[in-house]
Amino acid sequence: MTIIKDCTGTYLRDNSRDYYVCNTDLLDNYSAGDKVKVSYSELEECFGVLEAVTCEMAHLYNGKIEITEIF
């Protein structure tokens, strides 16, 4: 998966589909464009995370995920 970072948050792109990452702290040491292999769980909401509006840009995504492991 490819890491995508912009003013709306952090995403992982797989086959042209973006997934919003809830636990972004696991990707702090990676840069946008880096490729990673991860396992993840799909979520309905990012629990315990307040998603602040940081810019006027919209980033469409296919779901929210929580990374469980980076290989």
C-alpha atoms as a PDB file:
ATOM      1  CA  MET A   1       0.000   0.000   0.000  1.00  0.00           C
ATOM      2  CA  THR A   2       1.139   3.537  -0.680  1.00  0.00           C
ATOM      3  CA  ILE A   3       1.077   6.154   2.057  1.00  0.00           C
ATOM      4  CA  ILE A   4      -0.829   9.316   1.177  1.00  0.00           C
ATOM      5  CA  LYS A   5      -0.559  12.336   3.473  1.00  0.00           C
ATOM      6  CA  ASP A   6      -2.317  15.644   2.953  1.00  0.00           C
ATOM      7  CA  CYS A   7      -3.952  18.329   5.059  1.00  0.00           C
ATOM      8  CA  THR A   8      -7.048  16.117   5.549  1.00  0.00           C
ATOM      9  CA  GLY A   9      -5.170  13.213   7.120  1.00  0.00           C
ATOM     10  CA  THR A  10      -3.234  10.041   6.361  1.00  0.00           C
ATOM     11  CA  TYR A  11      -4.446   7.379   3.962  1.00  0.00           C
ATOM     12  CA  LEU A  12      -3.273   4.068   2.552  1.00  0.00           C
ATOM     13  CA  ARG A  13      -3.875   3.528  -1.156  1.00  0.00           C
ATOM     14  CA  ASP A  14      -4.446   0.032  -2.508  1.00  0.00           C
ATOM     15  CA  ASN A  15      -5.429  -0.478  -6.162  1.00  0.00           C
ATOM     16  CA  SER A  16      -6.576   3.156  -6.553  1.00  0.00           C
ATOM     17  CA  ARG A  17      -8.735   2.927  -3.418  1.00  0.00           C
ATOM     18  CA  ASP A  18      -7.846   5.149  -0.452  1.00  0.00           C
ATOM     19  CA  TYR A  19      -8.463   4.165   3.155  1.00  0.00           C
ATOM     20  CA  TYR A  20      -8.404   6.726   5.973  1.00  0.00           C
ATOM     21  CA  VAL A  21      -5.982   5.628   8.717  1.00  0.00           C
ATOM     22  CA  CYS A  22      -7.310   6.130  12.243  1.00  0.00           C
ATOM     23  CA  ASN A  23      -4.071   5.323  14.106  1.00  0.00           C
ATOM     24  CA  THR A  24      -1.782   7.593  12.090  1.00  0.00           C
ATOM     25  CA  ASP A  25       0.917   7.616  14.778  1.00  0.00           C
ATOM     26  CA  LEU A  26       2.145   4.268  13.423  1.00  0.00           C
ATOM     27  CA  LEU A  27       3.038   6.019  10.162  1.00  0.00           C
ATOM     28  CA  ASP A  28       4.753   9.093  11.667  1.00  0.00           C
ATOM     29  CA  ASN A  29       8.207   7.845  10.609  1.00  0.00           C
ATOM     30  CA  TYR A  30       7.102   7.285   7.008  1.00  0.00           C
ATOM     31  CA  SER A  31       6.743   9.835   4.220  1.00  0.00           C
ATOM     32  CA  ALA A  32       4.039  10.313   1.627  1.00  0.00           C
ATOM     33  CA  GLY A  33       4.719   7.997  -1.286  1.00  0.00           C
ATOM     34  CA  ASP A  34       6.393   5.300   0.819  1.00  0.00           C
ATOM     35  CA  LYS A  35       5.164   1.768   0.232  1.00  0.00           C
ATOM     36  CA  VAL A  36       4.276  -0.422   3.210  1.00  0.00           C
ATOM     37  CA  LYS A  37       2.768  -3.841   3.748  1.00  0.00           C
ATOM     38  CA  VAL A  38       0.237  -3.809   6.570  1.00  0.00           C
ATOM     39  CA  SER A  39      -2.564  -5.773   8.115  1.00  0.00           C
ATOM     40  CA  TYR A  40      -5.578  -3.771   9.231  1.00  0.00           C
ATOM     41  CA  SER A  41      -9.118  -3.864  10.531  1.00  0.00           C
ATOM     42  CA  GLU A  42     -11.924  -1.920   8.898  1.00  0.00           C
ATOM     43  CA  LEU A  43     -13.803   0.440  11.223  1.00  0.00           C
ATOM     44  CA  GLU A  44     -17.074   2.333  11.117  1.00  0.00           C
ATOM     45  CA  GLU A  45     -15.559   5.255  13.077  1.00  0.00           C
ATOM     46  CA  CYS A  46     -12.191   6.260  14.498  1.00  0.00           C
ATOM     47  CA  PHE A  47     -12.858   5.735  18.192  1.00  0.00           C
ATOM     48  CA  GLY A  48     -11.239   8.215  20.571  1.00  0.00           C
ATOM     49  CA  VAL A  49     -10.054  10.444  17.733  1.00  0.00           C
ATOM     50  CA  LEU A  50     -11.519  13.862  17.062  1.00  0.00           C
ATOM     51  CA  GLU A  51     -11.263  14.521  13.365  1.00  0.00           C
ATOM     52  CA  ALA A  52     -10.560  18.228  13.197  1.00  0.00           C
ATOM     53  CA  VAL A  53     -11.121  20.195  10.040  1.00  0.00           C
ATOM     54  CA  THR A  54      -7.634  21.286   9.035  1.00  0.00           C
ATOM     55  CA  CYS A  55      -8.195  22.500   5.502  1.00  0.00           C
ATOM     56  CA  GLU A  56     -10.877  23.128   2.951  1.00  0.00           C
ATOM     57  CA  MET A  57      -9.782  20.252   0.755  1.00  0.00           C
ATOM     58  CA  ALA A  58     -11.894  17.090   0.560  1.00  0.00           C
ATOM     59  CA  HIS A  59     -10.271  13.670   0.230  1.00  0.00           C
ATOM     60  CA  LEU A  60     -12.689  10.947  -0.789  1.00  0.00           C
ATOM     61  CA  TYR A  61     -11.956   7.523   0.669  1.00  0.00           C
ATOM     62  CA  ASN A  62     -13.440   4.041   0.690  1.00  0.00           C
ATOM     63  CA  GLY A  63     -13.406   3.376   4.420  1.00  0.00           C
ATOM     64  CA  LYS A  64     -11.656   3.882   7.728  1.00  0.00           C
ATOM     65  CA  ILE A  65      -9.016   1.456   8.932  1.00  0.00           C
ATOM     66  CA  GLU A  66      -6.879   0.760  11.960  1.00  0.00           C
ATOM     67  CA  ILE A  67      -3.441  -0.659  11.224  1.00  0.00           C
ATOM     68  CA  THR A  68      -2.786  -3.792  13.286  1.00  0.00           C
ATOM     69  CA  GLU A  69       0.710  -4.586  12.010  1.00  0.00           C
ATOM     70  CA  ILE A  70       3.364  -3.193   9.674  1.00  0.00           C
ATOM     71  CA  PHE A  71       5.597  -5.770   8.000  1.00  0.00           C
END
